[in-house]
Amino acid sequence: MSIKGLCVEGMEITEISKKLVPYISEYVNGFALKEDDPLFLEGHIFSLEEISGMLPKYYLEYFTDESNFICFSGFIIVTNSQDKEEQQIISLVMDESSERAFLLCVHEENEDEGEKAIIIKDFLA
């Protein structure tokens, strides 16, 4: 079975950011991105072992130990249950060649579990 994903081939990070806004808006009511602002501030390459905790277990069979991923991260502002604005980390997991986006996540802090990545859009499904 071939791996799906959101096609972002040839796009710059600001273009990818604009393409992701509708998915973030579904999660964060009223989310908007300023013109020409990217969502992501930095990117790193990770091995399958390093990000296997973020990937749903049923996707692991589609990748090998040699698989690498580009993970971009940045911040978004969300309003919490007390109507206060707070920053949350947002991340995007992509293939190593930057052609397909796989997962869009928000990282939430949980007192019991520490930081937890919540998938807000699964492009592999």
N, C-alpha and C. Protein backbone atom coordinates (compact mmCIF):
# COMPACT_ATOMS: atom_id res chain seq x y z
N MET A 1 0.84 -1.17 0.00
CA MET A 1 0.00 0.00 0.00
C MET A 1 0.89 1.24 0.00
N SER A 2 0.53 2.21 -0.81
CA SER A 2 1.34 3.42 -0.88
C SER A 2 0.96 4.39 0.24
N ILE A 3 1.90 5.24 0.57
CA ILE A 3 1.69 6.21 1.65
C ILE A 3 1.00 7.44 1.07
N LYS A 4 -0.07 7.83 1.72
CA LYS A 4 -0.79 9.04 1.31
C LYS A 4 -0.14 10.24 1.98
N GLY A 5 -0.81 11.34 1.94
CA GLY A 5 -0.35 12.56 2.57
C GLY A 5 -0.86 13.75 1.79
N LEU A 6 -0.75 14.91 2.38
CA LEU A 6 -1.14 16.15 1.72
C LEU A 6 0.01 16.59 0.83
N CYS A 7 -0.26 16.77 -0.45
CA CYS A 7 0.80 17.16 -1.39
C CYS A 7 1.22 18.61 -1.13
N VAL A 8 2.50 18.80 -0.81
CA VAL A 8 3.07 20.13 -0.61
C VAL A 8 4.35 20.28 -1.43
N GLU A 9 4.48 19.43 -2.43
CA GLU A 9 5.69 19.40 -3.25
C GLU A 9 5.95 20.76 -3.89
N GLY A 10 7.17 21.25 -3.74
CA GLY A 10 7.59 22.51 -4.35
C GLY A 10 7.12 23.77 -3.62
N MET A 11 6.41 23.62 -2.51
CA MET A 11 5.90 24.78 -1.78
C MET A 11 6.92 25.27 -0.75
N GLU A 12 6.94 26.58 -0.57
CA GLU A 12 7.75 27.17 0.50
C GLU A 12 6.94 27.10 1.79
N ILE A 13 7.59 27.32 2.92
CA ILE A 13 6.95 27.16 4.21
C ILE A 13 5.77 28.13 4.41
N THR A 14 5.83 29.33 3.82
CA THR A 14 4.68 30.25 3.94
C THR A 14 3.49 29.73 3.15
N GLU A 15 3.73 29.10 2.01
CA GLU A 15 2.65 28.51 1.22
C GLU A 15 2.04 27.31 1.94
N ILE A 16 2.89 26.50 2.53
CA ILE A 16 2.40 25.34 3.30
C ILE A 16 1.57 25.85 4.48
N SER A 17 2.05 26.89 5.15
CA SER A 17 1.32 27.46 6.29
C SER A 17 -0.08 27.89 5.88
N LYS A 18 -0.20 28.60 4.77
CA LYS A 18 -1.51 29.05 4.28
C LYS A 18 -2.43 27.86 3.98
N LYS A 19 -1.85 26.80 3.45
CA LYS A 19 -2.63 25.62 3.11
C LYS A 19 -3.16 24.91 4.37
N LEU A 20 -2.47 25.07 5.49
CA LEU A 20 -2.86 24.41 6.73
C LEU A 20 -3.83 25.21 7.59
N VAL A 21 -4.00 26.49 7.32
CA VAL A 21 -4.87 27.35 8.13
C VAL A 21 -6.28 26.77 8.31
N PRO A 22 -6.95 26.27 7.26
CA PRO A 22 -8.30 25.73 7.48
C PRO A 22 -8.35 24.58 8.50
N TYR A 23 -7.32 23.77 8.54
CA TYR A 23 -7.29 22.65 9.49
C TYR A 23 -7.09 23.14 10.92
N ILE A 24 -6.28 24.17 11.06
CA ILE A 24 -6.05 24.74 12.39
C ILE A 24 -7.30 25.48 12.85
N SER A 25 -7.97 26.14 11.91
CA SER A 25 -9.21 26.87 12.25
C SER A 25 -10.29 25.95 12.77
N GLU A 26 -10.29 24.70 12.32
CA GLU A 26 -11.26 23.73 12.85
C GLU A 26 -10.96 23.41 14.30
N TYR A 27 -9.70 23.45 14.69
CA TYR A 27 -9.28 23.13 16.05
C TYR A 27 -9.30 24.37 16.96
N VAL A 28 -8.84 25.50 16.42
CA VAL A 28 -8.77 26.76 17.18
C VAL A 28 -9.76 27.72 16.55
N ASN A 29 -10.86 27.95 17.22
CA ASN A 29 -11.91 28.81 16.71
C ASN A 29 -11.38 30.21 16.44
N GLY A 30 -11.58 30.69 15.21
CA GLY A 30 -11.17 32.04 14.86
C GLY A 30 -9.70 32.21 14.54
N PHE A 31 -8.98 31.12 14.35
CA PHE A 31 -7.55 31.22 14.05
C PHE A 31 -7.34 31.93 12.73
N ALA A 32 -6.37 32.83 12.69
CA ALA A 32 -6.00 33.54 11.46
C ALA A 32 -4.48 33.67 11.42
N LEU A 33 -3.97 33.76 10.22
CA LEU A 33 -2.53 33.90 10.02
C LEU A 33 -2.29 35.21 9.28
N LYS A 34 -1.35 36.01 9.77
CA LYS A 34 -1.03 37.26 9.10
C LYS A 34 -0.42 36.97 7.74
N GLU A 35 -0.65 37.86 6.82
CA GLU A 35 -0.13 37.71 5.46
C GLU A 35 1.38 37.49 5.47
N ASP A 36 1.84 36.52 4.74
CA ASP A 36 3.26 36.18 4.58
C ASP A 36 3.94 35.72 5.86
N ASP A 37 3.18 35.40 6.89
CA ASP A 37 3.76 34.84 8.12
C ASP A 37 3.71 33.32 8.03
N PRO A 38 4.81 32.67 8.30
CA PRO A 38 4.76 31.21 8.35
C PRO A 38 4.29 30.75 9.73
N LEU A 39 3.70 29.58 9.80
CA LEU A 39 3.32 28.98 11.08
C LEU A 39 4.54 28.45 11.82
N PHE A 40 5.54 28.07 11.07
CA PHE A 40 6.64 27.32 11.65
C PHE A 40 7.92 28.13 11.70
N LEU A 41 8.65 27.96 12.81
CA LEU A 41 9.86 28.73 13.03
C LEU A 41 11.12 27.93 12.76
N GLU A 42 11.03 26.61 12.92
CA GLU A 42 12.22 25.78 12.71
C GLU A 42 11.81 24.40 12.23
N GLY A 43 12.77 23.72 11.63
CA GLY A 43 12.55 22.37 11.16
C GLY A 43 13.76 21.50 11.46
N HIS A 44 13.50 20.24 11.71
CA HIS A 44 14.55 19.28 12.03
C HIS A 44 14.25 17.96 11.35
N ILE A 45 15.30 17.20 11.09
CA ILE A 45 15.13 15.85 10.53
C ILE A 45 15.19 14.85 11.68
N PHE A 46 14.22 13.94 11.69
CA PHE A 46 14.14 12.90 12.71
C PHE A 46 14.03 11.53 12.06
N SER A 47 14.55 10.54 12.75
CA SER A 47 14.41 9.15 12.30
C SER A 47 13.05 8.63 12.75
N LEU A 48 12.67 7.48 12.22
CA LEU A 48 11.42 6.84 12.63
C LEU A 48 11.42 6.58 14.13
N GLU A 49 12.54 6.11 14.65
CA GLU A 49 12.63 5.82 16.08
C GLU A 49 12.36 7.07 16.93
N GLU A 50 12.85 8.21 16.46
CA GLU A 50 12.71 9.44 17.24
C GLU A 50 11.28 9.98 17.26
N ILE A 51 10.51 9.73 16.21
CA ILE A 51 9.14 10.25 16.19
C ILE A 51 8.08 9.16 16.29
N SER A 52 8.48 7.93 16.51
CA SER A 52 7.51 6.83 16.55
C SER A 52 6.42 7.05 17.60
N GLY A 53 6.70 7.79 18.65
CA GLY A 53 5.70 8.08 19.66
C GLY A 53 4.61 9.02 19.18
N MET A 54 4.90 9.82 18.14
CA MET A 54 3.90 10.73 17.57
C MET A 54 3.01 10.03 16.56
N LEU A 55 3.57 9.04 15.87
CA LEU A 55 2.81 8.35 14.83
C LEU A 55 1.86 7.33 15.43
N PRO A 56 0.62 7.31 14.97
CA PRO A 56 -0.27 6.23 15.41
C PRO A 56 0.36 4.88 15.05
N LYS A 57 0.26 3.94 15.93
CA LYS A 57 0.92 2.63 15.79
C LYS A 57 0.61 1.95 14.45
N TYR A 58 -0.63 2.10 13.97
CA TYR A 58 -1.02 1.41 12.73
C TYR A 58 -0.32 1.97 11.49
N TYR A 59 0.38 3.11 11.60
CA TYR A 59 1.13 3.64 10.46
C TYR A 59 2.59 3.16 10.44
N LEU A 60 3.06 2.64 11.54
CA LEU A 60 4.48 2.26 11.62
C LEU A 60 4.87 1.23 10.57
N GLU A 61 3.94 0.38 10.16
CA GLU A 61 4.25 -0.64 9.17
C GLU A 61 4.56 -0.05 7.78
N TYR A 62 4.18 1.20 7.54
CA TYR A 62 4.41 1.83 6.24
C TYR A 62 5.82 2.40 6.10
N PHE A 63 6.54 2.43 7.20
CA PHE A 63 7.86 3.03 7.19
C PHE A 63 8.90 2.00 7.61
N THR A 64 10.15 2.28 7.30
CA THR A 64 11.24 1.38 7.68
C THR A 64 12.14 2.09 8.69
N ASP A 65 13.07 1.34 9.24
CA ASP A 65 14.01 1.93 10.20
C ASP A 65 14.87 3.01 9.54
N GLU A 66 14.97 2.98 8.21
CA GLU A 66 15.76 3.98 7.48
C GLU A 66 14.94 5.22 7.13
N SER A 67 13.64 5.22 7.43
CA SER A 67 12.79 6.36 7.12
C SER A 67 13.17 7.57 7.96
N ASN A 68 13.21 8.72 7.31
CA ASN A 68 13.46 9.97 8.01
C ASN A 68 12.31 10.92 7.72
N PHE A 69 12.11 11.87 8.61
CA PHE A 69 11.00 12.80 8.51
C PHE A 69 11.49 14.20 8.80
N ILE A 70 10.85 15.18 8.19
CA ILE A 70 11.10 16.57 8.53
C ILE A 70 9.95 16.99 9.44
N CYS A 71 10.30 17.55 10.57
CA CYS A 71 9.29 18.05 11.51
C CYS A 71 9.50 19.54 11.68
N PHE A 72 8.48 20.31 11.30
CA PHE A 72 8.51 21.75 11.49
C PHE A 72 7.73 22.08 12.75
N SER A 73 8.17 23.09 13.48
CA SER A 73 7.44 23.49 14.68
C SER A 73 7.37 25.01 14.78
N GLY A 74 6.36 25.46 15.48
CA GLY A 74 6.15 26.89 15.71
C GLY A 74 5.14 27.05 16.82
N PHE A 75 4.53 28.25 16.90
CA PHE A 75 3.59 28.55 17.96
C PHE A 75 2.30 29.11 17.38
N ILE A 76 1.20 28.80 18.03
CA ILE A 76 -0.08 29.44 17.74
C ILE A 76 -0.64 29.95 19.06
N ILE A 77 -1.54 30.91 18.98
CA ILE A 77 -2.21 31.45 20.17
C ILE A 77 -3.61 30.84 20.24
N VAL A 78 -3.94 30.27 21.39
CA VAL A 78 -5.27 29.70 21.61
C VAL A 78 -5.87 30.33 22.86
N THR A 79 -7.18 30.32 22.94
CA THR A 79 -7.87 30.82 24.12
C THR A 79 -8.26 29.62 24.96
N ASN A 80 -7.84 29.61 26.22
CA ASN A 80 -8.13 28.47 27.08
C ASN A 80 -9.53 28.58 27.68
N SER A 81 -9.88 27.63 28.53
CA SER A 81 -11.23 27.58 29.10
C SER A 81 -11.54 28.78 30.01
N GLN A 82 -10.50 29.49 30.50
CA GLN A 82 -10.71 30.70 31.30
C GLN A 82 -10.65 31.97 30.44
N ASP A 83 -10.80 31.81 29.14
CA ASP A 83 -10.76 32.92 28.18
C ASP A 83 -9.45 33.70 28.20
N LYS A 84 -8.37 33.03 28.54
CA LYS A 84 -7.04 33.64 28.50
C LYS A 84 -6.29 33.08 27.29
N GLU A 85 -5.54 33.95 26.64
CA GLU A 85 -4.75 33.50 25.49
C GLU A 85 -3.46 32.85 25.98
N GLU A 86 -3.10 31.75 25.33
CA GLU A 86 -1.84 31.09 25.64
C GLU A 86 -1.22 30.54 24.36
N GLN A 87 0.08 30.41 24.40
CA GLN A 87 0.82 29.86 23.26
C GLN A 87 0.82 28.35 23.34
N GLN A 88 0.65 27.73 22.18
CA GLN A 88 0.81 26.29 22.10
C GLN A 88 1.75 25.98 20.94
N ILE A 89 2.52 24.93 21.12
CA ILE A 89 3.41 24.49 20.05
C ILE A 89 2.58 23.75 19.01
N ILE A 90 2.87 24.04 17.76
CA ILE A 90 2.23 23.33 16.64
C ILE A 90 3.35 22.68 15.84
N SER A 91 3.09 21.50 15.31
CA SER A 91 4.13 20.83 14.52
C SER A 91 3.52 20.14 13.30
N LEU A 92 4.34 19.97 12.31
CA LEU A 92 3.96 19.30 11.08
C LEU A 92 5.01 18.24 10.78
N VAL A 93 4.55 17.01 10.60
CA VAL A 93 5.44 15.89 10.25
C VAL A 93 5.30 15.65 8.76
N MET A 94 6.44 15.67 8.06
CA MET A 94 6.46 15.50 6.61
C MET A 94 7.48 14.44 6.23
N ASP A 95 7.41 14.00 4.97
CA ASP A 95 8.44 13.09 4.48
C ASP A 95 9.75 13.86 4.30
N GLU A 96 10.82 13.12 4.21
CA GLU A 96 12.15 13.73 4.15
C GLU A 96 12.35 14.60 2.91
N SER A 97 11.64 14.32 1.84
CA SER A 97 11.81 15.09 0.61
C SER A 97 10.88 16.31 0.53
N SER A 98 10.11 16.57 1.59
CA SER A 98 9.19 17.73 1.67
C SER A 98 8.14 17.72 0.57
N GLU A 99 7.69 16.55 0.21
CA GLU A 99 6.65 16.44 -0.82
C GLU A 99 5.27 16.16 -0.23
N ARG A 100 5.23 15.51 0.92
CA ARG A 100 3.96 15.11 1.54
C ARG A 100 3.95 15.45 3.02
N ALA A 101 2.85 16.07 3.44
CA ALA A 101 2.63 16.31 4.87
C ALA A 101 1.83 15.13 5.42
N PHE A 102 2.23 14.65 6.59
CA PHE A 102 1.58 13.48 7.18
C PHE A 102 0.67 13.82 8.34
N LEU A 103 1.18 14.56 9.33
CA LEU A 103 0.42 14.86 10.54
C LEU A 103 0.59 16.32 10.94
N LEU A 104 -0.50 16.94 11.34
CA LEU A 104 -0.48 18.28 11.90
C LEU A 104 -0.89 18.13 13.37
N CYS A 105 -0.03 18.59 14.27
CA CYS A 105 -0.24 18.36 15.71
C CYS A 105 -0.16 19.64 16.51
N VAL A 106 -0.86 19.63 17.64
CA VAL A 106 -0.73 20.66 18.67
C VAL A 106 -0.20 19.94 19.90
N HIS A 107 0.71 20.57 20.59
CA HIS A 107 1.31 19.95 21.77
C HIS A 107 0.71 20.62 23.00
N GLU A 108 0.11 19.81 23.85
CA GLU A 108 -0.52 20.32 25.06
C GLU A 108 0.21 19.79 26.28
N GLU A 109 0.27 20.63 27.28
CA GLU A 109 0.91 20.27 28.54
C GLU A 109 -0.14 19.64 29.45
N ASN A 110 0.19 18.46 29.98
CA ASN A 110 -0.69 17.76 30.89
C ASN A 110 0.09 17.49 32.17
N GLU A 111 -0.47 17.87 33.30
CA GLU A 111 0.25 17.72 34.57
C GLU A 111 0.66 16.28 34.84
N ASP A 112 -0.20 15.32 34.48
CA ASP A 112 0.08 13.91 34.75
C ASP A 112 1.04 13.28 33.74
N GLU A 113 0.87 13.64 32.46
CA GLU A 113 1.62 12.97 31.39
C GLU A 113 2.73 13.82 30.79
N GLY A 114 2.84 15.07 31.17
CA GLY A 114 3.81 15.95 30.53
C GLY A 114 3.27 16.45 29.20
N GLU A 115 4.16 16.77 28.27
CA GLU A 115 3.73 17.25 26.97
C GLU A 115 3.19 16.11 26.12
N LYS A 116 2.07 16.36 25.46
CA LYS A 116 1.44 15.34 24.64
C LYS A 116 1.07 15.94 23.28
N ALA A 117 1.42 15.23 22.21
CA ALA A 117 1.07 15.70 20.87
C ALA A 117 -0.33 15.21 20.54
N ILE A 118 -1.18 16.15 20.16
CA ILE A 118 -2.55 15.83 19.75
C ILE A 118 -2.65 16.07 18.25
N ILE A 119 -3.02 15.04 17.53
CA ILE A 119 -3.15 15.15 16.07
C ILE A 119 -4.43 15.90 15.76
N ILE A 120 -4.29 17.06 15.09
CA ILE A 120 -5.49 17.80 14.70
C ILE A 120 -5.85 17.54 13.24
N LYS A 121 -4.90 17.03 12.47
CA LYS A 121 -5.23 16.60 11.10
C LYS A 121 -4.27 15.48 10.71
N ASP A 122 -4.85 14.37 10.32
CA ASP A 122 -4.12 13.18 9.89
C ASP A 122 -4.26 13.09 8.37
N PHE A 123 -3.21 13.44 7.64
CA PHE A 123 -3.25 13.42 6.19
C PHE A 123 -2.95 12.03 5.62
N LEU A 124 -2.56 11.12 6.48
CA LEU A 124 -2.30 9.74 6.04
C LEU A 124 -3.57 8.91 5.93
N ALA A 125 -4.62 9.33 6.66
CA ALA A 125 -5.86 8.57 6.69
C ALA A 125 -6.55 8.57 5.34
